[in-house]
Amino acid sequence: MKIAVVGGGIAGLACAWMLSRRYAVTLFERHAQPGFVASSVAVPLSEGSPAGTTSVRVDVPLRVFYPGYYPTLMRLYAALGVATEPVSYATTFMGAAGQPYFRWRNLRLGGFSMPYVLPRDVAGPRARRIVQGALRFNHQSRAALARGELAGRSLRDFLAAGAFPADYVQGLLLPALATIATCTTEDALDYPADVVAGYMAAGLARQSVRRAVLGADGFGLAMDGGRWLKVPQLGGVRIGDDCEIGANTTIDRGALGDTVLEEDVRLDNQIQIGHNCHIGAHTAMAGCVGVAGSTRIGRHCLVAGAAGISGHLVICDKVTISAMTMVTRSITEPGEYSSGLPMQDNRTWKRNIARFRHLDEIVRKLLPRVRELDNDD
């Protein structure tokens, strides 16, 4: 069966990817770039930016979300193995002349999120009317939703009946909805009122806004004039089929090329994969493993917990690395590799470490005597 998917937004991309496991799928997209990238804009950078960098891409719409707003997206991320993390954020609203007139902030407190405004954000009468309108809309829309009074009504109808302040409607509500839904403010007025009210009540001020962490910037820095200069990370992350990525595992995007996980790679919780790494198919890593950038790990490898692998190394296929092993050179032969000292009682450990510190001195003293014995034989 051949299937055509029209539209390369997140729904179209997810649908095409999942169907492609069983069918021949063709994705049609009129934009040159799929997904969010199609709507991102280039913002010029000021003087003093990294050499060769003149602009930065800004996401439109935002790439943060409340889990309560997007349960299907959360299930999709779980199926794809994409981790998320709570964040604090702020949104600024500006007029046609570029002057800000209102700023909304949201502070992450553990697993919760608290919306707030600073006194300077509501210093003007327009900002105060926006806050008053937001509080009244939130209260009245939730109450009307609970009573079943919003069914069949548009947002336009509800706003007209409630006589909400124009500063709030035109200055905050409609611009926010248009940004979230990627539509015009006029189209936002035609949205069902119960959908908007349900959206507002689904998680605001109760759950932390989150963002996906797959593809965070790699640790790329260069010293320039005695100060660290961030090196732009322009690559991406490519994840093969049937991979599993545990909680709080971070995979850095590549600096130029991509960071790659081939198919059936299994990563436990709290693992760090540096930028431009390449992990071969059917390789598994236990928790707290750290892999520095640009290291290539082969297929069918096993890396036990808390092992550390230095950067720019090559590890061949079918290598097993024991727990807490520190790998500082490339491995070219299959097999099991270990380093470090196993646990001992503290008194024995102290005695052995004290002797280990003098190992070179002891060898130098004994070596001439060993040679004499060899000559006697």
Protein backbone atom coordinates (compact mmCIF):
# COMPACT_ATOMS: atom_id res chain seq x y z
CA MET A 1 0.00 0.00 0.00
CA LYS A 2 1.21 3.50 -0.87
CA ILE A 3 0.19 6.36 1.40
CA ALA A 4 0.43 10.12 0.87
CA VAL A 5 0.71 12.44 3.87
CA VAL A 6 0.00 16.10 3.15
CA GLY A 7 1.67 18.63 5.42
CA GLY A 8 5.04 18.49 7.17
CA GLY A 9 4.01 19.90 10.54
CA ILE A 10 4.52 17.88 13.71
CA ALA A 11 1.34 15.87 13.06
CA GLY A 12 2.27 15.13 9.44
CA LEU A 13 5.87 14.22 10.29
CA ALA A 14 4.80 11.94 13.14
CA CYS A 15 2.12 10.28 11.02
CA ALA A 16 4.50 9.74 8.10
CA TRP A 17 7.24 8.36 10.34
CA MET A 18 4.96 5.88 12.12
CA LEU A 19 3.26 4.70 8.93
CA SER A 20 6.61 4.29 7.16
CA ARG A 21 7.36 1.30 9.36
CA ARG A 22 4.78 -0.72 7.42
CA TYR A 23 3.97 1.20 4.23
CA ALA A 24 5.55 3.23 1.45
CA VAL A 25 4.88 6.83 2.47
CA THR A 26 5.32 10.03 0.48
CA LEU A 27 5.23 13.32 2.42
CA PHE A 28 4.05 16.44 0.58
CA GLU A 29 5.02 19.85 1.99
CA ARG A 30 4.81 23.16 0.15
CA HIS A 31 7.45 24.85 2.31
CA ALA A 32 11.14 24.31 1.70
CA GLN A 33 11.56 23.14 5.31
CA PRO A 34 9.28 20.80 7.27
CA GLY A 35 7.90 21.26 10.76
CA PHE A 36 8.56 24.28 12.94
CA VAL A 37 11.57 25.25 10.84
CA ALA A 38 9.22 26.35 8.05
CA SER A 39 7.96 29.22 10.21
CA SER A 40 11.19 30.23 11.97
CA VAL A 41 12.60 33.66 11.24
CA ALA A 42 16.16 34.96 11.03
CA VAL A 43 16.96 37.70 13.57
CA PRO A 44 20.13 39.74 12.90
CA LEU A 45 22.77 39.60 15.63
CA SER A 46 24.53 42.63 17.06
CA GLU A 47 28.20 43.45 16.67
CA GLY A 48 30.50 41.29 18.72
CA SER A 49 28.75 38.04 17.83
CA PRO A 50 30.86 34.95 17.00
CA ALA A 51 32.80 35.24 13.79
CA GLY A 52 30.81 34.18 10.75
CA THR A 53 27.49 34.37 12.64
CA THR A 54 25.22 37.15 11.41
CA SER A 55 21.80 35.90 12.49
CA VAL A 56 20.02 33.36 14.66
CA ARG A 57 16.86 31.39 13.86
CA VAL A 58 13.95 32.11 16.19
CA ASP A 59 11.12 29.60 16.49
CA VAL A 60 7.62 30.71 15.49
CA PRO A 61 5.56 29.50 17.28
CA LEU A 62 7.31 28.81 20.58
CA ARG A 63 8.80 25.39 21.24
CA VAL A 64 7.70 25.18 24.86
CA PHE A 65 4.47 23.63 26.08
CA TYR A 66 2.40 22.64 29.10
CA PRO A 67 1.93 18.84 29.32
CA GLY A 68 -1.71 19.38 30.25
CA TYR A 69 -2.29 21.26 27.00
CA TYR A 70 -0.72 18.64 24.77
CA PRO A 71 -1.35 15.07 26.03
CA THR A 72 -1.02 13.62 22.53
CA LEU A 73 2.31 15.38 22.02
CA MET A 74 3.53 13.94 25.32
CA ARG A 75 2.58 10.43 24.19
CA LEU A 76 4.36 11.03 20.88
CA TYR A 77 7.53 12.20 22.65
CA ALA A 78 7.37 9.10 24.85
CA ALA A 79 7.05 6.84 21.80
CA LEU A 80 9.99 8.57 20.10
CA GLY A 81 12.16 8.55 23.24
CA VAL A 82 12.39 12.36 23.31
CA ALA A 83 13.04 13.65 26.82
CA THR A 84 11.64 16.95 28.12
CA GLU A 85 12.58 19.23 30.98
CA PRO A 86 10.74 21.99 32.88
CA VAL A 87 11.87 25.56 32.20
CA SER A 88 11.19 29.10 33.26
CA TYR A 89 10.24 31.52 30.52
CA ALA A 90 9.05 35.02 29.74
CA THR A 91 6.95 36.48 26.91
CA THR A 92 7.11 40.13 25.86
CA PHE A 93 4.38 41.90 23.88
CA MET A 94 5.39 44.90 21.77
CA GLY A 95 3.50 47.47 19.74
CA ALA A 96 3.94 48.31 16.08
CA ALA A 97 6.77 50.73 16.91
CA GLY A 98 8.69 48.00 18.73
CA GLN A 99 8.04 49.34 22.23
CA PRO A 100 7.18 46.67 24.86
CA TYR A 101 3.93 47.25 26.71
CA PHE A 102 3.51 44.01 28.69
CA ARG A 103 5.65 41.09 29.86
CA TRP A 104 4.40 37.78 31.22
CA ARG A 105 6.81 35.63 33.21
CA ASN A 106 6.61 32.06 34.41
CA LEU A 107 8.91 30.66 37.11
CA ARG A 108 9.57 26.94 37.47
CA LEU A 109 9.40 25.69 41.04
CA GLY A 110 10.15 21.98 40.95
CA GLY A 111 7.26 20.26 39.23
CA PHE A 112 5.09 23.36 39.29
CA SER A 113 5.02 26.61 37.37
CA MET A 114 4.03 30.00 38.78
CA PRO A 115 2.93 32.84 36.47
CA TYR A 116 3.73 36.34 37.66
CA VAL A 117 4.49 39.89 36.59
CA LEU A 118 7.00 42.29 38.10
CA PRO A 119 5.89 45.72 39.35
CA ARG A 120 7.65 47.41 36.46
CA ASP A 121 5.72 45.22 34.02
CA VAL A 122 2.42 46.74 35.19
CA ALA A 123 3.59 50.29 35.78
CA GLY A 124 1.45 51.70 32.96
CA PRO A 125 -2.36 51.85 32.80
CA ARG A 126 -2.44 49.66 29.68
CA ALA A 127 -0.54 46.86 31.41
CA ARG A 128 -2.81 47.06 34.46
CA ARG A 129 -5.90 46.77 32.27
CA ILE A 130 -4.36 43.71 30.59
CA VAL A 131 -3.80 42.00 33.95
CA GLN A 132 -7.33 42.84 35.13
CA GLY A 133 -8.79 41.51 31.88
CA ALA A 134 -6.75 38.32 32.07
CA LEU A 135 -7.90 37.58 35.61
CA ARG A 136 -11.55 38.24 34.74
CA PHE A 137 -11.42 36.19 31.52
CA ASN A 138 -9.80 33.27 33.32
CA HIS A 139 -12.41 33.29 36.09
CA GLN A 140 -15.48 33.77 33.87
CA SER A 141 -14.44 31.36 31.10
CA ARG A 142 -13.74 28.55 33.56
CA ALA A 143 -17.06 29.10 35.30
CA ALA A 144 -18.95 29.17 31.99
CA LEU A 145 -17.12 26.04 30.83
CA ALA A 146 -18.07 24.20 34.03
CA ARG A 147 -21.72 25.17 33.56
CA GLY A 148 -21.73 24.00 29.92
CA GLU A 149 -22.53 27.49 28.62
CA LEU A 150 -19.78 27.63 25.96
CA ALA A 151 -20.93 24.78 23.73
CA GLY A 152 -21.53 26.00 20.17
CA ARG A 153 -20.23 29.51 20.89
CA SER A 154 -17.18 31.11 19.31
CA LEU A 155 -14.56 33.07 21.20
CA ARG A 156 -15.89 36.17 19.42
CA ASP A 157 -19.36 35.58 20.93
CA PHE A 158 -18.00 35.05 24.44
CA LEU A 159 -15.81 38.16 24.33
CA ALA A 160 -18.64 40.33 23.05
CA ALA A 161 -21.00 39.15 25.77
CA GLY A 162 -18.44 39.69 28.50
CA ALA A 163 -17.34 43.17 27.37
CA PHE A 164 -13.71 42.45 28.20
CA PRO A 165 -11.17 45.31 28.00
CA ALA A 166 -9.89 45.89 24.47
CA ASP A 167 -6.35 46.23 25.81
CA TYR A 168 -6.54 42.67 27.08
CA VAL A 169 -8.29 41.20 24.03
CA GLN A 170 -6.17 42.95 21.37
CA GLY A 171 -2.99 43.25 23.41
CA LEU A 172 -2.65 39.83 25.02
CA LEU A 173 -5.36 37.22 24.37
CA LEU A 174 -5.55 37.31 20.57
CA PRO A 175 -1.79 37.72 19.92
CA ALA A 176 -1.09 34.81 22.28
CA LEU A 177 -3.70 32.55 20.65
CA ALA A 178 -2.52 33.50 17.15
CA THR A 179 1.07 32.60 18.12
CA ILE A 180 0.06 29.27 19.68
CA ALA A 181 -2.25 28.27 16.81
CA THR A 182 -0.11 29.83 14.03
CA CYS A 183 -3.06 31.79 12.65
CA THR A 184 -4.27 35.38 12.32
CA THR A 185 -5.94 37.17 15.20
CA GLU A 186 -9.14 37.28 13.14
CA ASP A 187 -9.09 33.49 12.76
CA ALA A 188 -8.48 33.15 16.50
CA LEU A 189 -11.79 34.90 17.19
CA ASP A 190 -13.61 32.10 15.37
CA TYR A 191 -12.15 29.36 17.60
CA PRO A 192 -14.73 27.53 19.75
CA ALA A 193 -14.97 29.24 23.11
CA ASP A 194 -15.03 25.94 24.99
CA VAL A 195 -11.76 24.88 23.32
CA VAL A 196 -10.03 28.12 24.34
CA ALA A 197 -11.38 27.96 27.89
CA GLY A 198 -10.42 24.30 28.22
CA TYR A 199 -6.96 25.10 26.92
CA MET A 200 -6.52 27.89 29.47
CA ALA A 201 -7.60 25.58 32.30
CA ALA A 202 -5.55 22.56 31.24
CA GLY A 203 -2.32 23.30 33.06
CA LEU A 204 -1.56 26.98 33.46
CA ALA A 205 0.00 27.70 36.86
CA ARG A 206 -0.17 24.02 37.80
CA GLN A 207 2.44 22.31 35.63
CA SER A 208 5.86 23.45 34.54
CA VAL A 209 6.16 24.54 30.97
CA ARG A 210 8.55 22.11 29.29
CA ARG A 211 10.86 21.81 26.34
CA ALA A 212 12.43 18.88 24.55
CA VAL A 213 16.12 18.38 25.37
CA LEU A 214 17.12 16.07 22.55
CA GLY A 215 19.53 18.17 20.51
CA ALA A 216 20.74 20.60 23.16
CA ASP A 217 23.80 22.61 22.15
CA GLY A 218 27.07 20.73 22.43
CA PHE A 219 29.84 21.96 24.73
CA GLY A 220 31.71 23.90 22.07
CA LEU A 221 33.92 26.73 23.35
CA ALA A 222 37.00 28.56 22.12
CA MET A 223 39.27 30.92 24.06
CA ASP A 224 39.34 34.40 22.54
CA GLY A 225 41.16 37.26 24.20
CA GLY A 226 41.13 35.55 27.58
CA ARG A 227 37.37 34.87 27.50
CA TRP A 228 35.35 31.84 26.43
CA LEU A 229 33.56 32.21 23.11
CA LYS A 230 30.64 29.91 22.31
CA VAL A 231 31.09 28.00 19.07
CA PRO A 232 27.75 27.76 17.19
CA GLN A 233 26.36 24.21 17.09
CA LEU A 234 24.89 23.94 13.62
CA GLY A 235 24.30 20.18 13.32
CA GLY A 236 21.42 18.06 14.56
CA VAL A 237 20.61 14.71 16.15
CA ARG A 238 19.55 11.65 14.14
CA ILE A 239 17.84 8.79 15.99
CA GLY A 240 17.38 5.41 14.32
CA ASP A 241 14.36 3.12 14.58
CA ASP A 242 13.53 1.32 17.84
CA CYS A 243 15.90 3.34 20.01
CA GLU A 244 15.19 3.85 23.70
CA ILE A 245 16.38 6.95 25.57
CA GLY A 246 16.00 7.08 29.35
CA ALA A 247 14.93 9.94 31.60
CA ASN A 248 17.27 12.92 31.90
CA THR A 249 19.59 11.57 29.23
CA THR A 250 21.05 14.37 27.12
CA ILE A 251 22.19 14.01 23.51
CA ASP A 252 24.01 17.10 22.23
CA ARG A 253 23.47 18.28 18.68
CA GLY A 254 26.47 18.19 16.38
CA ALA A 255 28.74 21.18 15.83
CA LEU A 256 28.73 20.79 12.02
CA GLY A 257 27.53 17.27 11.20
CA ASP A 258 24.93 15.34 13.19
CA THR A 259 25.12 13.32 16.39
CA VAL A 260 23.88 9.86 15.37
CA LEU A 261 22.26 6.92 17.11
CA GLU A 262 21.79 3.98 14.76
CA GLU A 263 18.84 1.62 15.10
CA ASP A 264 18.06 -0.31 18.31
CA VAL A 265 20.37 1.72 20.57
CA ARG A 266 19.33 1.52 24.22
CA LEU A 267 20.33 4.32 26.62
CA ASP A 268 19.54 4.20 30.34
CA ASN A 269 18.78 7.24 32.52
CA GLN A 270 21.15 10.18 33.08
CA ILE A 271 23.57 9.52 30.24
CA GLN A 272 25.53 12.28 28.48
CA ILE A 273 26.28 11.89 24.77
CA GLY A 274 28.56 14.66 23.49
CA HIS A 275 28.25 16.43 20.16
CA ASN A 276 29.12 14.59 16.94
CA CYS A 277 29.22 11.16 18.60
CA HIS A 278 28.15 8.16 16.52
CA ILE A 279 26.65 5.19 18.41
CA GLY A 280 26.41 1.96 16.44
CA ALA A 281 23.32 -0.23 16.16
CA HIS A 282 22.31 -2.56 19.03
CA THR A 283 24.63 -0.86 21.51
CA ALA A 284 23.40 -0.46 25.11
CA MET A 285 24.61 1.87 27.87
CA ALA A 286 23.72 1.81 31.57
CA GLY A 287 23.03 4.85 33.73
CA CYS A 288 25.47 7.73 34.27
CA VAL A 289 27.73 6.87 31.33
CA GLY A 290 29.48 9.90 29.84
CA VAL A 291 30.71 9.95 26.24
CA ALA A 292 32.76 12.98 25.21
CA GLY A 293 32.34 14.59 21.80
CA SER A 294 33.27 13.12 18.41
CA THR A 295 33.72 9.56 19.72
CA ARG A 296 32.55 6.72 17.49
CA ILE A 297 31.25 3.57 19.21
CA GLY A 298 30.67 0.43 17.19
CA ARG A 299 27.77 -2.01 16.96
CA HIS A 300 26.73 -4.52 19.64
CA CYS A 301 28.74 -2.77 22.37
CA LEU A 302 27.85 -2.81 26.08
CA VAL A 303 28.88 0.07 28.37
CA ALA A 304 28.22 -0.49 32.08
CA GLY A 305 27.19 2.18 34.58
CA ALA A 306 29.23 5.33 35.23
CA ALA A 307 31.88 4.48 32.64
CA GLY A 308 33.59 7.47 31.06
CA ILE A 309 34.76 7.61 27.44
CA SER A 310 37.08 10.39 26.28
CA GLY A 311 36.50 12.35 23.11
CA HIS A 312 37.69 11.70 19.54
CA LEU A 313 38.11 7.95 20.11
CA VAL A 314 37.03 4.96 18.01
CA ILE A 315 35.67 1.84 19.73
CA CYS A 316 35.22 -1.20 17.51
CA ASP A 317 32.22 -3.54 17.40
CA LYS A 318 31.39 -6.02 20.19
CA VAL A 319 33.25 -4.29 23.01
CA THR A 320 32.11 -4.57 26.64
CA ILE A 321 33.26 -1.85 29.05
CA SER A 322 32.95 -2.56 32.79
CA ALA A 323 31.33 -0.21 35.29
CA MET A 324 33.28 2.95 36.18
CA THR A 325 35.94 2.25 33.57
CA MET A 326 37.76 5.29 32.17
CA VAL A 327 38.49 4.85 28.46
CA THR A 328 41.24 7.20 27.30
CA ARG A 329 42.37 5.52 24.07
CA SER A 330 40.72 3.87 21.09
CA ILE A 331 39.81 0.16 21.27
CA THR A 332 40.52 -1.85 18.13
CA GLU A 333 39.89 -5.43 19.30
CA PRO A 334 36.57 -6.90 20.51
CA GLY A 335 36.48 -8.03 24.14
CA GLU A 336 35.91 -6.86 27.69
CA TYR A 337 37.82 -3.89 29.10
CA SER A 338 38.06 -2.63 32.69
CA SER A 339 39.93 -0.09 34.81
CA GLY A 340 39.87 1.21 38.38
CA LEU A 341 40.14 -0.55 41.73
CA PRO A 342 37.37 -2.72 43.16
CA MET A 343 36.07 -1.97 46.66
CA GLN A 344 38.21 -2.92 49.67
CA ASP A 345 37.93 -2.25 53.37
CA ASN A 346 39.22 1.24 54.10
CA ARG A 347 42.36 0.14 55.99
CA THR A 348 43.48 -2.15 53.16
CA TRP A 349 42.69 0.49 50.53
CA LYS A 350 44.77 3.13 52.33
CA ARG A 351 47.72 0.74 52.65
CA ASN A 352 47.57 -0.27 49.00
CA ILE A 353 47.24 3.32 47.76
CA ALA A 354 50.23 4.36 49.88
CA ARG A 355 52.29 1.59 48.27
CA PHE A 356 50.98 2.42 44.83
CA ARG A 357 52.30 5.98 45.15
CA HIS A 358 55.82 4.54 45.58
CA LEU A 359 55.47 1.88 42.89
CA ASP A 360 57.80 3.59 40.40
CA GLU A 361 60.46 4.12 43.08
CA ILE A 362 60.24 0.46 44.15
CA VAL A 363 60.53 -0.78 40.57
CA ARG A 364 63.60 1.40 39.94
CA LYS A 365 65.30 -0.03 43.04
CA LEU A 366 64.41 -3.64 42.25
CA LEU A 367 65.15 -3.56 38.50
CA PRO A 368 69.01 -3.63 38.84
CA ARG A 369 68.77 -6.59 41.24
CA VAL A 370 66.44 -8.45 38.84
CA ARG A 371 68.93 -7.90 36.04
CA GLU A 372 71.77 -9.24 38.24
CA LEU A 373 69.75 -12.36 38.99
CA ASP A 374 69.02 -12.84 35.29
CA ASN A 375 72.76 -12.58 34.48
CA ASP A 376 73.60 -15.08 37.21
CA ASP A 377 71.24 -17.58 35.60
